[in-house]
Amino acid sequence: MIKTIKRISVLGLVLVLSAWSCLAEDIPASWRKTMSNDPSTNWYLSEAMKRMPDADAEILRIYKLGGIIGTMCKDAKVNTATGNLFLKTAGYGKITGDKYREAAFLVDDRFKFFNYRTLAHLCAGGDYMFGPQGHLLPNLVIGNKGIPNLSYDPRNPFIILPSISTAPHG
């Protein structure tokens, strides 16, 4: 009986360790070399940094990117005081009606093929965009560990993001 319990314990330990190693390999190793905080090596970050052709869409792009990094990256949180100040000073409340719908369409179109690889690279570059010396909006996101909250599923890598037009606006 004791030998059986020891075998079960050893088997349990082996299963736990193998599950832990699977979690460590959640992000494919081939991605890790480009998952940086530098747009010259992180193509997804450089694409995310490209400005929108419309000033209203640019406000919504920053709003959406901050929400993605602040909610979908490990331990990241949106600094709401910084976010609210940005929205107020940028004129978010003045984007209404057709202007809002057009800007939301442009932003949603930019993120329509969003997948896990994009998310992993954006999480890695989150501090470049929103950290203490952020190039889009400094101090918008705090606590970002640079990796996604979600698990990688190679059979279904796409992530459906909610439309920016469903965000509270007023």
Protein backbone atom coordinates (compact mmCIF):
# COMPACT_ATOMS: atom_id res chain seq x y z
CA MET A 1 0.00 0.00 0.00
CA ILE A 2 2.80 2.44 0.91
CA LYS A 3 4.66 1.61 -2.33
CA THR A 4 1.49 2.40 -4.30
CA ILE A 5 1.11 5.76 -2.54
CA LYS A 6 4.78 6.59 -3.25
CA ARG A 7 4.33 5.69 -6.93
CA ILE A 8 1.20 7.83 -7.14
CA SER A 9 3.06 10.70 -5.45
CA VAL A 10 5.98 10.38 -7.86
CA LEU A 11 3.58 10.17 -10.81
CA GLY A 12 1.74 13.24 -9.51
CA LEU A 13 5.00 15.15 -9.17
CA VAL A 14 6.02 14.20 -12.72
CA LEU A 15 2.64 15.36 -14.06
CA VAL A 16 2.86 18.67 -12.20
CA LEU A 17 6.40 19.30 -13.46
CA SER A 18 5.44 18.46 -17.04
CA ALA A 19 2.42 20.76 -16.80
CA TRP A 20 4.70 23.52 -15.45
CA SER A 21 7.09 23.06 -18.37
CA CYS A 22 4.16 23.32 -20.79
CA LEU A 23 3.25 26.66 -19.23
CA ALA A 24 6.83 27.86 -19.62
CA GLU A 25 6.70 26.96 -23.32
CA ASP A 26 3.34 28.69 -23.80
CA ILE A 27 4.90 31.19 -26.19
CA PRO A 28 6.74 29.57 -29.11
CA ALA A 29 10.50 29.94 -28.74
CA SER A 30 10.84 31.32 -32.27
CA TRP A 31 8.84 34.40 -31.25
CA ARG A 32 10.92 35.26 -28.20
CA LYS A 33 13.80 36.84 -30.14
CA THR A 34 11.47 39.47 -31.64
CA MET A 35 9.41 40.04 -28.48
CA SER A 36 11.24 43.15 -27.40
CA ASN A 37 10.55 46.66 -26.22
CA ASP A 38 12.22 47.99 -29.38
CA PRO A 39 10.24 48.73 -32.56
CA SER A 40 13.33 48.08 -34.71
CA THR A 41 13.20 44.39 -33.74
CA ASN A 42 9.51 44.05 -32.83
CA TRP A 43 7.55 44.50 -36.07
CA TYR A 44 4.18 44.29 -34.28
CA LEU A 45 5.20 47.14 -32.00
CA SER A 46 6.34 49.26 -34.93
CA GLU A 47 3.01 48.65 -36.68
CA ALA A 48 1.09 49.54 -33.52
CA MET A 49 3.04 52.80 -33.26
CA LYS A 50 1.91 53.97 -36.72
CA ARG A 51 -0.40 56.94 -36.42
CA MET A 52 -3.94 56.88 -37.78
CA PRO A 53 -4.73 59.17 -40.72
CA ASP A 54 -7.45 60.90 -38.71
CA ALA A 55 -6.94 62.77 -35.40
CA ASP A 56 -10.14 61.33 -33.89
CA ALA A 57 -9.11 57.80 -34.87
CA GLU A 58 -5.69 58.42 -33.30
CA ILE A 59 -7.34 59.16 -29.94
CA LEU A 60 -9.38 55.95 -30.23
CA ARG A 61 -6.30 53.94 -31.29
CA ILE A 62 -4.41 54.97 -28.16
CA TYR A 63 -7.51 54.24 -26.07
CA LYS A 64 -7.87 50.76 -27.59
CA LEU A 65 -4.17 49.88 -27.41
CA GLY A 66 -4.06 50.93 -23.75
CA GLY A 67 -7.08 48.74 -23.05
CA ILE A 68 -5.50 45.77 -24.81
CA ILE A 69 -2.21 46.07 -22.92
CA GLY A 70 -3.90 46.92 -19.62
CA THR A 71 -6.30 43.99 -19.64
CA MET A 72 -4.69 41.26 -21.74
CA CYS A 73 -1.08 41.34 -20.49
CA LYS A 74 0.04 39.65 -17.29
CA ASP A 75 -0.27 41.83 -14.16
CA ALA A 76 -0.91 44.96 -16.26
CA LYS A 77 -3.45 47.53 -15.13
CA VAL A 78 -4.65 50.72 -16.74
CA ASN A 79 -3.88 53.82 -14.70
CA THR A 80 -7.37 55.31 -14.94
CA ALA A 81 -6.31 58.77 -13.74
CA THR A 82 -3.79 59.02 -16.61
CA GLY A 83 -6.31 57.57 -19.06
CA ASN A 84 -9.11 59.90 -18.05
CA LEU A 85 -6.81 62.93 -18.22
CA PHE A 86 -5.70 61.89 -21.72
CA LEU A 87 -9.29 61.41 -22.92
CA LYS A 88 -10.32 64.78 -21.49
CA THR A 89 -7.39 66.77 -22.91
CA ALA A 90 -7.44 64.95 -26.27
CA GLY A 91 -11.10 65.82 -26.83
CA TYR A 92 -12.56 62.31 -26.67
CA GLY A 93 -15.92 63.65 -25.49
CA LYS A 94 -16.21 65.86 -28.60
CA ILE A 95 -16.00 62.91 -31.01
CA THR A 96 -19.68 62.21 -31.64
CA GLY A 97 -22.08 60.89 -34.24
CA ASP A 98 -20.66 60.11 -37.66
CA LYS A 99 -17.20 61.32 -36.64
CA TYR A 100 -17.12 58.72 -33.87
CA ARG A 101 -18.44 55.93 -36.10
CA GLU A 102 -15.87 56.70 -38.82
CA ALA A 103 -13.00 56.87 -36.34
CA ALA A 104 -14.15 53.64 -34.65
CA PHE A 105 -14.33 51.91 -38.03
CA LEU A 106 -10.74 52.91 -38.85
CA VAL A 107 -9.45 51.69 -35.48
CA ASP A 108 -11.40 48.42 -35.56
CA ASP A 109 -10.11 47.82 -39.09
CA ARG A 110 -6.52 48.23 -37.85
CA PHE A 111 -7.11 45.47 -35.26
CA LYS A 112 -9.32 43.09 -37.25
CA PHE A 113 -6.72 40.33 -37.72
CA PHE A 114 -5.56 40.38 -34.11
CA ASN A 115 -4.01 37.11 -32.95
CA TYR A 116 -1.98 35.64 -30.11
CA ARG A 117 1.33 36.39 -31.79
CA THR A 118 0.37 40.07 -32.12
CA LEU A 119 -0.74 40.14 -28.47
CA ALA A 120 2.49 38.52 -27.26
CA HIS A 121 4.58 41.07 -29.15
CA LEU A 122 2.45 44.02 -27.99
CA CYS A 123 2.67 42.86 -24.37
CA ALA A 124 6.46 42.68 -24.77
CA GLY A 125 6.45 46.23 -26.16
CA GLY A 126 3.87 47.59 -23.73
CA ASP A 127 6.38 49.63 -21.72
CA TYR A 128 7.66 51.24 -24.91
CA MET A 129 4.13 52.52 -25.58
CA PHE A 130 2.72 53.09 -22.09
CA GLY A 131 5.48 52.66 -19.48
CA PRO A 132 7.18 55.43 -17.49
CA GLN A 133 8.90 56.77 -20.64
CA GLY A 134 6.10 55.64 -22.95
CA HIS A 135 6.11 56.96 -26.50
CA LEU A 136 2.31 56.99 -26.85
CA LEU A 137 1.04 57.84 -23.38
CA PRO A 138 3.50 57.61 -20.46
CA ASN A 139 2.27 55.86 -17.31
CA LEU A 140 -1.02 54.66 -18.81
CA VAL A 141 -0.25 51.00 -18.05
CA ILE A 142 1.43 49.86 -14.85
CA GLY A 143 2.67 46.44 -13.77
CA ASN A 144 3.01 44.90 -17.25
CA LYS A 145 5.12 41.71 -17.17
CA GLY A 146 5.49 41.63 -20.98
CA ILE A 147 3.55 38.42 -21.64
CA PRO A 148 -0.13 37.71 -22.33
CA ASN A 149 -2.65 36.58 -19.70
CA LEU A 150 -4.13 34.15 -22.18
CA SER A 151 -2.84 30.72 -23.07
CA TYR A 152 -1.63 30.04 -26.59
CA ASP A 153 -3.79 27.72 -28.69
CA PRO A 154 -2.05 26.99 -32.01
CA ARG A 155 -5.32 25.55 -33.38
CA ASN A 156 -7.09 28.88 -32.87
CA PRO A 157 -4.62 31.75 -32.50
CA PHE A 158 -7.09 34.54 -33.36
CA ILE A 159 -8.41 36.78 -30.62
CA ILE A 160 -11.66 38.58 -31.23
CA LEU A 161 -11.45 42.07 -29.79
CA PRO A 162 -14.59 44.02 -28.96
CA SER A 163 -15.34 46.91 -31.26
CA ILE A 164 -14.22 50.31 -30.03
CA SER A 165 -17.72 51.51 -30.91
CA THR A 166 -19.09 49.49 -27.96
CA ALA A 167 -16.83 51.32 -25.50
CA PRO A 168 -18.58 53.71 -23.12
CA HIS A 169 -18.68 57.11 -24.72
CA GLY A 170 -20.28 60.28 -23.63
